[in-house]
Amino acid sequence: MSQARNQRYIKIATACLQALKQVDSQAERDEQISKVYQAIDTAFQEANHEYAMQLTQALVALEQIATLPEGDQHRARDIALAALPARH
């Protein structure tokens, strides 16, 4: 499993565990389940937001590369490296 995927799973699992700890034991079972689902949904939304930000950054870099004048292709590498996350 990739490290990035592993980190996403850990975030979602942590959100679930926190939700379980915070659920009122006297609450109805449906309410308890709903709280856990809400925690999972929030964690997924945060992960999707990260993906959307990375995708936007990649699209901007691709647009910059696509509009480079003939002979400036060497700048494409610099643009791509600037758009990649630090772990690359």
Protein backbone atom coordinates (compact mmCIF):
# COMPACT_ATOMS: atom_id res chain seq x y z
CA MET A 1 0.00 0.00 0.00
CA SER A 2 1.38 3.41 -0.87
CA GLN A 3 2.36 5.73 1.93
CA ALA A 4 -0.15 8.38 0.81
CA ARG A 5 -2.99 5.85 0.75
CA ASN A 6 -1.90 4.51 4.12
CA GLN A 7 -1.99 8.03 5.58
CA ARG A 8 -5.52 8.58 4.22
CA TYR A 9 -6.70 5.32 5.77
CA ILE A 10 -5.12 6.26 9.08
CA LYS A 11 -6.90 9.64 9.05
CA ILE A 12 -10.25 7.99 8.35
CA ALA A 13 -9.71 5.29 10.98
CA THR A 14 -8.67 7.93 13.52
CA ALA A 15 -11.80 9.96 12.76
CA CYS A 16 -13.93 6.84 13.30
CA LEU A 17 -12.26 6.03 16.59
CA GLN A 18 -12.67 9.59 17.82
CA ALA A 19 -16.33 9.54 16.84
CA LEU A 20 -16.85 6.27 18.73
CA LYS A 21 -15.21 7.74 21.84
CA GLN A 22 -17.40 10.85 21.69
CA VAL A 23 -20.72 9.12 21.06
CA ASP A 24 -23.03 9.22 24.03
CA SER A 25 -23.49 5.64 25.22
CA GLN A 26 -27.07 6.50 26.20
CA ALA A 27 -27.93 7.68 22.68
CA GLU A 28 -30.01 5.60 20.32
CA ARG A 29 -28.03 3.12 18.23
CA ASP A 30 -29.08 4.89 15.00
CA GLU A 31 -27.71 8.16 16.39
CA GLN A 32 -24.43 6.48 17.35
CA ILE A 33 -24.08 5.00 13.87
CA SER A 34 -24.95 8.35 12.31
CA LYS A 35 -22.14 10.06 14.25
CA VAL A 36 -19.61 7.52 12.99
CA TYR A 37 -20.88 7.91 9.41
CA GLN A 38 -20.56 11.68 9.74
CA ALA A 39 -16.95 11.29 10.91
CA ILE A 40 -16.18 9.02 7.95
CA ASP A 41 -17.86 11.44 5.54
CA THR A 42 -15.89 14.38 6.91
CA ALA A 43 -12.60 12.47 6.62
CA PHE A 44 -13.40 11.51 3.01
CA GLN A 45 -14.33 15.10 2.17
CA GLU A 46 -11.00 16.30 3.57
CA ALA A 47 -9.14 13.69 1.50
CA ASN A 48 -11.09 14.68 -1.61
CA HIS A 49 -10.28 18.33 -0.97
CA GLU A 50 -6.57 17.46 -0.93
CA TYR A 51 -6.97 15.61 -4.23
CA ALA A 52 -8.84 18.55 -5.76
CA MET A 53 -6.08 20.95 -4.73
CA GLN A 54 -3.41 18.66 -6.20
CA LEU A 55 -5.41 18.25 -9.40
CA THR A 56 -5.82 22.01 -9.76
CA GLN A 57 -2.11 22.50 -9.26
CA ALA A 58 -1.33 19.83 -11.86
CA LEU A 59 -3.75 21.36 -14.38
CA VAL A 60 -2.18 24.80 -13.95
CA ALA A 61 1.27 23.30 -14.51
CA LEU A 62 0.07 21.46 -17.62
CA GLU A 63 -1.47 24.64 -19.00
CA GLN A 64 1.83 26.46 -18.44
CA ILE A 65 3.74 23.68 -20.17
CA ALA A 66 1.28 23.58 -23.08
CA THR A 67 1.71 27.30 -23.74
CA LEU A 68 5.51 27.32 -23.67
CA PRO A 69 6.98 28.80 -26.83
CA GLU A 70 8.90 26.51 -29.17
CA GLY A 71 12.38 25.96 -27.77
CA ASP A 72 11.38 26.52 -24.11
CA GLN A 73 10.58 22.88 -23.41
CA HIS A 74 13.50 22.74 -20.96
CA ARG A 75 11.36 24.90 -18.66
CA ALA A 76 8.72 22.15 -18.61
CA ARG A 77 10.76 20.12 -16.13
CA ASP A 78 11.06 23.09 -13.77
CA ILE A 79 7.30 23.73 -13.97
CA ALA A 80 6.52 20.05 -13.34
CA LEU A 81 8.90 19.86 -10.37
CA ALA A 82 7.39 22.99 -8.86
CA ALA A 83 3.88 21.48 -9.15
CA LEU A 84 4.76 18.12 -7.60
CA PRO A 85 4.28 17.55 -3.88
CA ALA A 86 7.46 17.68 -1.80
CA ARG A 87 7.69 13.88 -1.43
CA HIS A 88 8.62 13.51 -5.11
